[in-house]
Amino acid sequence: ILLGEGRGFEIAQGRLGPGRIHHCMRWIGICERAFDLMCRRAVTREIAPGEPLGSRPAVQDRIAESRAEIDAARLLVLHTAWRIDREGAHAAREDVSLIKFQVAGVLQRVLDRAIQVHGAYGLVDETPLGFWWRHERGARIYDGPDEVHKAAVARRILARYGLEPGPRG
């Protein structure tokens, strides 16, 4: 018996943090690939002779927003991994919840922007974008929906300011 009888849930919970980091790292990799496809499309797709799609401010906005969100998400994941290494998984619970909902949201937004830049072509099987959109949308639901992680983070933050847990948590 590991750690003693009746501690199975504790063991399982201890493994969730590193597992969530793994998911987040994979999602950042998908974001990078979608970003690359979006940028290539913006450069190669012409909306008029000699006028690439990427010359449009709306497309440039999508590219800039995506780059900023991907980089911020990556740093948040790295910080969480550093904190787990330094202080342990239990101390980094809040950070793990933060990356779970934040990186899943970044993934969804980056995929959406990449699909928008591709137009209908972004949904066909010739690009991986539609596949990722369909299969990774669940990232915001499985392993705890966004709302659960946001509530857990908010409760921990507010407790530091003196808010007592109410009847629901």
C-alpha atoms as a PDB file:
ATOM      1  CA  ILE A   1       0.000   0.000   0.000  1.00  0.00           C
ATOM      2  CA  LEU A   2       1.365   3.383  -1.012  1.00  0.00           C
ATOM      3  CA  LEU A   3       1.422   6.022   1.755  1.00  0.00           C
ATOM      4  CA  GLY A   4      -1.049   4.000   3.795  1.00  0.00           C
ATOM      5  CA  GLU A   5      -4.664   2.948   3.709  1.00  0.00           C
ATOM      6  CA  GLY A   6      -7.241   5.585   2.820  1.00  0.00           C
ATOM      7  CA  ARG A   7      -4.774   7.908   1.095  1.00  0.00           C
ATOM      8  CA  GLY A   8      -5.542   6.958  -2.511  1.00  0.00           C
ATOM      9  CA  PHE A   9      -7.295  10.239  -3.277  1.00  0.00           C
ATOM     10  CA  GLU A  10      -4.308  12.150  -1.883  1.00  0.00           C
ATOM     11  CA  ILE A  11      -1.948  10.179  -4.132  1.00  0.00           C
ATOM     12  CA  ALA A  12      -4.131  10.783  -7.178  1.00  0.00           C
ATOM     13  CA  GLN A  13      -4.361  14.512  -6.423  1.00  0.00           C
ATOM     14  CA  GLY A  14      -0.571  14.695  -6.109  1.00  0.00           C
ATOM     15  CA  ARG A  15      -0.210  13.450  -9.670  1.00  0.00           C
ATOM     16  CA  LEU A  16      -2.713  15.894 -11.187  1.00  0.00           C
ATOM     17  CA  GLY A  17      -0.404  18.914 -11.053  1.00  0.00           C
ATOM     18  CA  PRO A  18       2.388  17.379 -13.126  1.00  0.00           C
ATOM     19  CA  GLY A  19      -0.232  15.905 -15.480  1.00  0.00           C
ATOM     20  CA  ARG A  20      -1.830  19.294 -16.007  1.00  0.00           C
ATOM     21  CA  ILE A  21       1.571  20.814 -16.760  1.00  0.00           C
ATOM     22  CA  HIS A  22       2.061  18.134 -19.409  1.00  0.00           C
ATOM     23  CA  HIS A  23      -1.296  19.005 -20.998  1.00  0.00           C
ATOM     24  CA  CYS A  24      -0.442  22.701 -20.943  1.00  0.00           C
ATOM     25  CA  MET A  25       2.937  22.139 -22.587  1.00  0.00           C
ATOM     26  CA  ARG A  26       1.254  20.103 -25.319  1.00  0.00           C
ATOM     27  CA  TRP A  27      -1.358  22.823 -25.815  1.00  0.00           C
ATOM     28  CA  ILE A  28       1.373  25.448 -26.156  1.00  0.00           C
ATOM     29  CA  GLY A  29       2.985  23.273 -28.829  1.00  0.00           C
ATOM     30  CA  ILE A  30      -0.333  23.144 -30.695  1.00  0.00           C
ATOM     31  CA  CYS A  31      -0.640  26.930 -30.324  1.00  0.00           C
ATOM     32  CA  GLU A  32       2.824  27.392 -31.851  1.00  0.00           C
ATOM     33  CA  ARG A  33       1.967  25.193 -34.817  1.00  0.00           C
ATOM     34  CA  ALA A  34      -1.375  26.958 -35.356  1.00  0.00           C
ATOM     35  CA  PHE A  35       0.427  30.311 -35.095  1.00  0.00           C
ATOM     36  CA  ASP A  36       2.942  29.209 -37.730  1.00  0.00           C
ATOM     37  CA  LEU A  37       0.140  28.105 -40.067  1.00  0.00           C
ATOM     38  CA  MET A  38      -1.693  31.395 -39.503  1.00  0.00           C
ATOM     39  CA  CYS A  39       1.404  33.469 -40.315  1.00  0.00           C
ATOM     40  CA  ARG A  40       2.209  31.428 -43.422  1.00  0.00           C
ATOM     41  CA  ARG A  41      -1.362  31.848 -44.637  1.00  0.00           C
ATOM     42  CA  ALA A  42      -1.234  35.595 -43.965  1.00  0.00           C
ATOM     43  CA  VAL A  43       1.886  35.892 -46.121  1.00  0.00           C
ATOM     44  CA  THR A  44       0.952  33.528 -48.974  1.00  0.00           C
ATOM     45  CA  ARG A  45      -2.767  34.244 -49.438  1.00  0.00           C
ATOM     46  CA  GLU A  46      -3.372  37.259 -51.658  1.00  0.00           C
ATOM     47  CA  ILE A  47      -6.621  39.199 -51.407  1.00  0.00           C
ATOM     48  CA  ALA A  48      -5.657  41.175 -54.515  1.00  0.00           C
ATOM     49  CA  PRO A  49      -2.623  40.944 -56.812  1.00  0.00           C
ATOM     50  CA  GLY A  50       0.408  41.875 -54.718  1.00  0.00           C
ATOM     51  CA  GLU A  51      -1.674  42.383 -51.557  1.00  0.00           C
ATOM     52  CA  PRO A  52      -1.199  39.600 -49.003  1.00  0.00           C
ATOM     53  CA  LEU A  53      -3.851  38.884 -46.411  1.00  0.00           C
ATOM     54  CA  GLY A  54      -1.312  39.805 -43.744  1.00  0.00           C
ATOM     55  CA  SER A  55      -1.318  43.429 -44.871  1.00  0.00           C
ATOM     56  CA  ARG A  56      -4.758  43.860 -43.287  1.00  0.00           C
ATOM     57  CA  PRO A  57      -4.881  45.331 -39.761  1.00  0.00           C
ATOM     58  CA  ALA A  58      -7.449  42.758 -38.597  1.00  0.00           C
ATOM     59  CA  VAL A  59      -5.095  39.910 -39.519  1.00  0.00           C
ATOM     60  CA  GLN A  60      -2.123  41.691 -37.963  1.00  0.00           C
ATOM     61  CA  ASP A  61      -4.165  42.103 -34.775  1.00  0.00           C
ATOM     62  CA  ARG A  62      -4.885  38.363 -34.667  1.00  0.00           C
ATOM     63  CA  ILE A  63      -1.201  37.592 -35.106  1.00  0.00           C
ATOM     64  CA  ALA A  64      -0.053  40.038 -32.414  1.00  0.00           C
ATOM     65  CA  GLU A  65      -2.704  38.896 -29.910  1.00  0.00           C
ATOM     66  CA  SER A  66      -1.789  35.266 -30.494  1.00  0.00           C
ATOM     67  CA  ARG A  67       1.944  35.846 -30.055  1.00  0.00           C
ATOM     68  CA  ALA A  68       1.395  37.737 -26.797  1.00  0.00           C
ATOM     69  CA  GLU A  69      -0.970  35.111 -25.392  1.00  0.00           C
ATOM     70  CA  ILE A  70       1.247  32.164 -26.341  1.00  0.00           C
ATOM     71  CA  ASP A  71       4.332  33.750 -24.784  1.00  0.00           C
ATOM     72  CA  ALA A  72       2.471  34.708 -21.596  1.00  0.00           C
ATOM     73  CA  ALA A  73       1.005  31.195 -21.296  1.00  0.00           C
ATOM     74  CA  ARG A  74       4.423  29.614 -21.770  1.00  0.00           C
ATOM     75  CA  LEU A  75       5.917  31.766 -19.003  1.00  0.00           C
ATOM     76  CA  LEU A  76       3.045  30.942 -16.649  1.00  0.00           C
ATOM     77  CA  VAL A  77       3.611  27.215 -17.237  1.00  0.00           C
ATOM     78  CA  LEU A  78       7.367  27.574 -16.707  1.00  0.00           C
ATOM     79  CA  HIS A  79       6.745  29.467 -13.471  1.00  0.00           C
ATOM     80  CA  THR A  80       4.386  26.731 -12.279  1.00  0.00           C
ATOM     81  CA  ALA A  81       6.910  23.992 -13.080  1.00  0.00           C
ATOM     82  CA  TRP A  82       9.614  25.980 -11.269  1.00  0.00           C
ATOM     83  CA  ARG A  83       7.371  26.395  -8.235  1.00  0.00           C
ATOM     84  CA  ILE A  84       6.544  22.670  -8.126  1.00  0.00           C
ATOM     85  CA  ASP A  85      10.263  21.846  -8.310  1.00  0.00           C
ATOM     86  CA  ARG A  86      11.097  24.362  -5.605  1.00  0.00           C
ATOM     87  CA  GLU A  87       8.143  24.110  -3.192  1.00  0.00           C
ATOM     88  CA  GLY A  88       6.268  20.939  -4.118  1.00  0.00           C
ATOM     89  CA  ALA A  89       2.968  20.213  -5.866  1.00  0.00           C
ATOM     90  CA  HIS A  90       0.832  21.070  -2.846  1.00  0.00           C
ATOM     91  CA  ALA A  91       2.259  24.599  -2.595  1.00  0.00           C
ATOM     92  CA  ALA A  92       1.699  25.159  -6.318  1.00  0.00           C
ATOM     93  CA  ARG A  93      -1.994  24.145  -6.381  1.00  0.00           C
ATOM     94  CA  GLU A  94      -3.121  27.667  -7.220  1.00  0.00           C
ATOM     95  CA  ASP A  95      -0.566  27.953 -10.025  1.00  0.00           C
ATOM     96  CA  VAL A  96      -1.661  24.609 -11.465  1.00  0.00           C
ATOM     97  CA  SER A  97      -5.297  25.750 -11.521  1.00  0.00           C
ATOM     98  CA  LEU A  98      -4.229  29.010 -13.183  1.00  0.00           C
ATOM     99  CA  ILE A  99      -2.389  27.284 -16.005  1.00  0.00           C
ATOM    100  CA  LYS A 100      -5.184  24.762 -16.531  1.00  0.00           C
ATOM    101  CA  PHE A 101      -7.820  27.364 -17.397  1.00  0.00           C
ATOM    102  CA  GLN A 102      -5.505  30.021 -18.831  1.00  0.00           C
ATOM    103  CA  VAL A 103      -3.609  27.841 -21.307  1.00  0.00           C
ATOM    104  CA  ALA A 104      -6.792  26.022 -22.369  1.00  0.00           C
ATOM    105  CA  GLY A 105      -8.357  29.421 -23.112  1.00  0.00           C
ATOM    106  CA  VAL A 106      -5.289  30.577 -25.044  1.00  0.00           C
ATOM    107  CA  LEU A 107      -5.413  27.363 -27.059  1.00  0.00           C
ATOM    108  CA  GLN A 108      -9.033  27.950 -27.999  1.00  0.00           C
ATOM    109  CA  ARG A 109      -8.462  31.610 -28.930  1.00  0.00           C
ATOM    110  CA  VAL A 110      -5.316  30.952 -30.992  1.00  0.00           C
ATOM    111  CA  LEU A 111      -7.010  28.121 -32.881  1.00  0.00           C
ATOM    112  CA  ASP A 112     -10.030  30.334 -33.517  1.00  0.00           C
ATOM    113  CA  ARG A 113      -7.838  33.143 -34.884  1.00  0.00           C
ATOM    114  CA  ALA A 114      -5.866  30.752 -37.090  1.00  0.00           C
ATOM    115  CA  ILE A 115      -9.094  29.322 -38.496  1.00  0.00           C
ATOM    116  CA  GLN A 116     -10.418  32.846 -39.149  1.00  0.00           C
ATOM    117  CA  VAL A 117      -7.274  33.754 -41.097  1.00  0.00           C
ATOM    118  CA  HIS A 118      -7.623  30.558 -43.133  1.00  0.00           C
ATOM    119  CA  GLY A 119     -11.335  31.052 -43.757  1.00  0.00           C
ATOM    120  CA  ALA A 120     -13.274  27.921 -44.663  1.00  0.00           C
ATOM    121  CA  TYR A 121      -9.979  26.282 -45.616  1.00  0.00           C
ATOM    122  CA  GLY A 122      -9.110  26.218 -41.909  1.00  0.00           C
ATOM    123  CA  LEU A 123     -11.838  23.655 -41.296  1.00  0.00           C
ATOM    124  CA  VAL A 124     -10.965  21.147 -44.011  1.00  0.00           C
ATOM    125  CA  ASP A 125      -8.841  18.086 -43.337  1.00  0.00           C
ATOM    126  CA  GLU A 126      -5.935  19.470 -45.391  1.00  0.00           C
ATOM    127  CA  THR A 127      -4.901  21.512 -42.349  1.00  0.00           C
ATOM    128  CA  PRO A 128      -4.794  20.262 -38.750  1.00  0.00           C
ATOM    129  CA  LEU A 129      -6.685  23.328 -37.483  1.00  0.00           C
ATOM    130  CA  GLY A 130     -10.194  21.883 -37.693  1.00  0.00           C
ATOM    131  CA  PHE A 131      -9.050  18.635 -36.089  1.00  0.00           C
ATOM    132  CA  TRP A 132      -7.427  20.515 -33.230  1.00  0.00           C
ATOM    133  CA  TRP A 133     -10.491  22.727 -32.804  1.00  0.00           C
ATOM    134  CA  ARG A 134     -12.772  19.705 -32.517  1.00  0.00           C
ATOM    135  CA  HIS A 135     -10.491  17.607 -30.310  1.00  0.00           C
ATOM    136  CA  GLU A 136      -8.941  20.256 -28.082  1.00  0.00           C
ATOM    137  CA  ARG A 137     -12.139  22.164 -27.262  1.00  0.00           C
ATOM    138  CA  GLY A 138     -12.614  19.692 -24.438  1.00  0.00           C
ATOM    139  CA  ALA A 139      -9.455  21.083 -22.810  1.00  0.00           C
ATOM    140  CA  ARG A 140     -11.636  23.661 -21.083  1.00  0.00           C
ATOM    141  CA  ILE A 141     -13.858  20.923 -19.659  1.00  0.00           C
ATOM    142  CA  TYR A 142     -11.950  17.733 -18.836  1.00  0.00           C
ATOM    143  CA  ASP A 143      -9.731  17.495 -15.784  1.00  0.00           C
ATOM    144  CA  GLY A 144     -11.908  20.159 -14.176  1.00  0.00           C
ATOM    145  CA  PRO A 145     -13.838  22.785 -16.138  1.00  0.00           C
ATOM    146  CA  ASP A 146     -12.545  26.362 -16.263  1.00  0.00           C
ATOM    147  CA  GLU A 147     -15.185  27.505 -13.796  1.00  0.00           C
ATOM    148  CA  VAL A 148     -14.025  25.054 -11.109  1.00  0.00           C
ATOM    149  CA  HIS A 149     -10.385  26.112 -11.449  1.00  0.00           C
ATOM    150  CA  LYS A 150     -11.272  29.823 -11.484  1.00  0.00           C
ATOM    151  CA  ALA A 151     -13.390  29.431  -8.353  1.00  0.00           C
ATOM    152  CA  ALA A 152     -10.584  27.550  -6.573  1.00  0.00           C
ATOM    153  CA  VAL A 153      -8.057  30.245  -7.463  1.00  0.00           C
ATOM    154  CA  ALA A 154     -10.395  33.055  -6.420  1.00  0.00           C
ATOM    155  CA  ARG A 155     -11.186  31.375  -3.070  1.00  0.00           C
ATOM    156  CA  ARG A 156      -7.487  31.003  -2.259  1.00  0.00           C
ATOM    157  CA  ILE A 157      -6.747  34.607  -3.220  1.00  0.00           C
ATOM    158  CA  LEU A 158      -9.695  36.010  -1.281  1.00  0.00           C
ATOM    159  CA  ALA A 159      -8.812  33.920   1.772  1.00  0.00           C
ATOM    160  CA  ARG A 160      -5.480  35.767   1.868  1.00  0.00           C
ATOM    161  CA  TYR A 161      -7.532  38.956   2.155  1.00  0.00           C
ATOM    162  CA  GLY A 162      -9.582  37.564   5.018  1.00  0.00           C
ATOM    163  CA  LEU A 163     -12.686  36.228   3.267  1.00  0.00           C
ATOM    164  CA  GLU A 164     -14.005  33.212   5.130  1.00  0.00           C
ATOM    165  CA  PRO A 165     -15.208  30.277   3.024  1.00  0.00           C
ATOM    166  CA  GLY A 166     -18.973  30.315   2.626  1.00  0.00           C
ATOM    167  CA  PRO A 167     -21.343  27.346   2.694  1.00  0.00           C
ATOM    168  CA  ARG A 168     -20.263  26.364  -0.850  1.00  0.00           C
ATOM    169  CA  GLY A 169     -16.548  26.284  -0.305  1.00  0.00           C
END
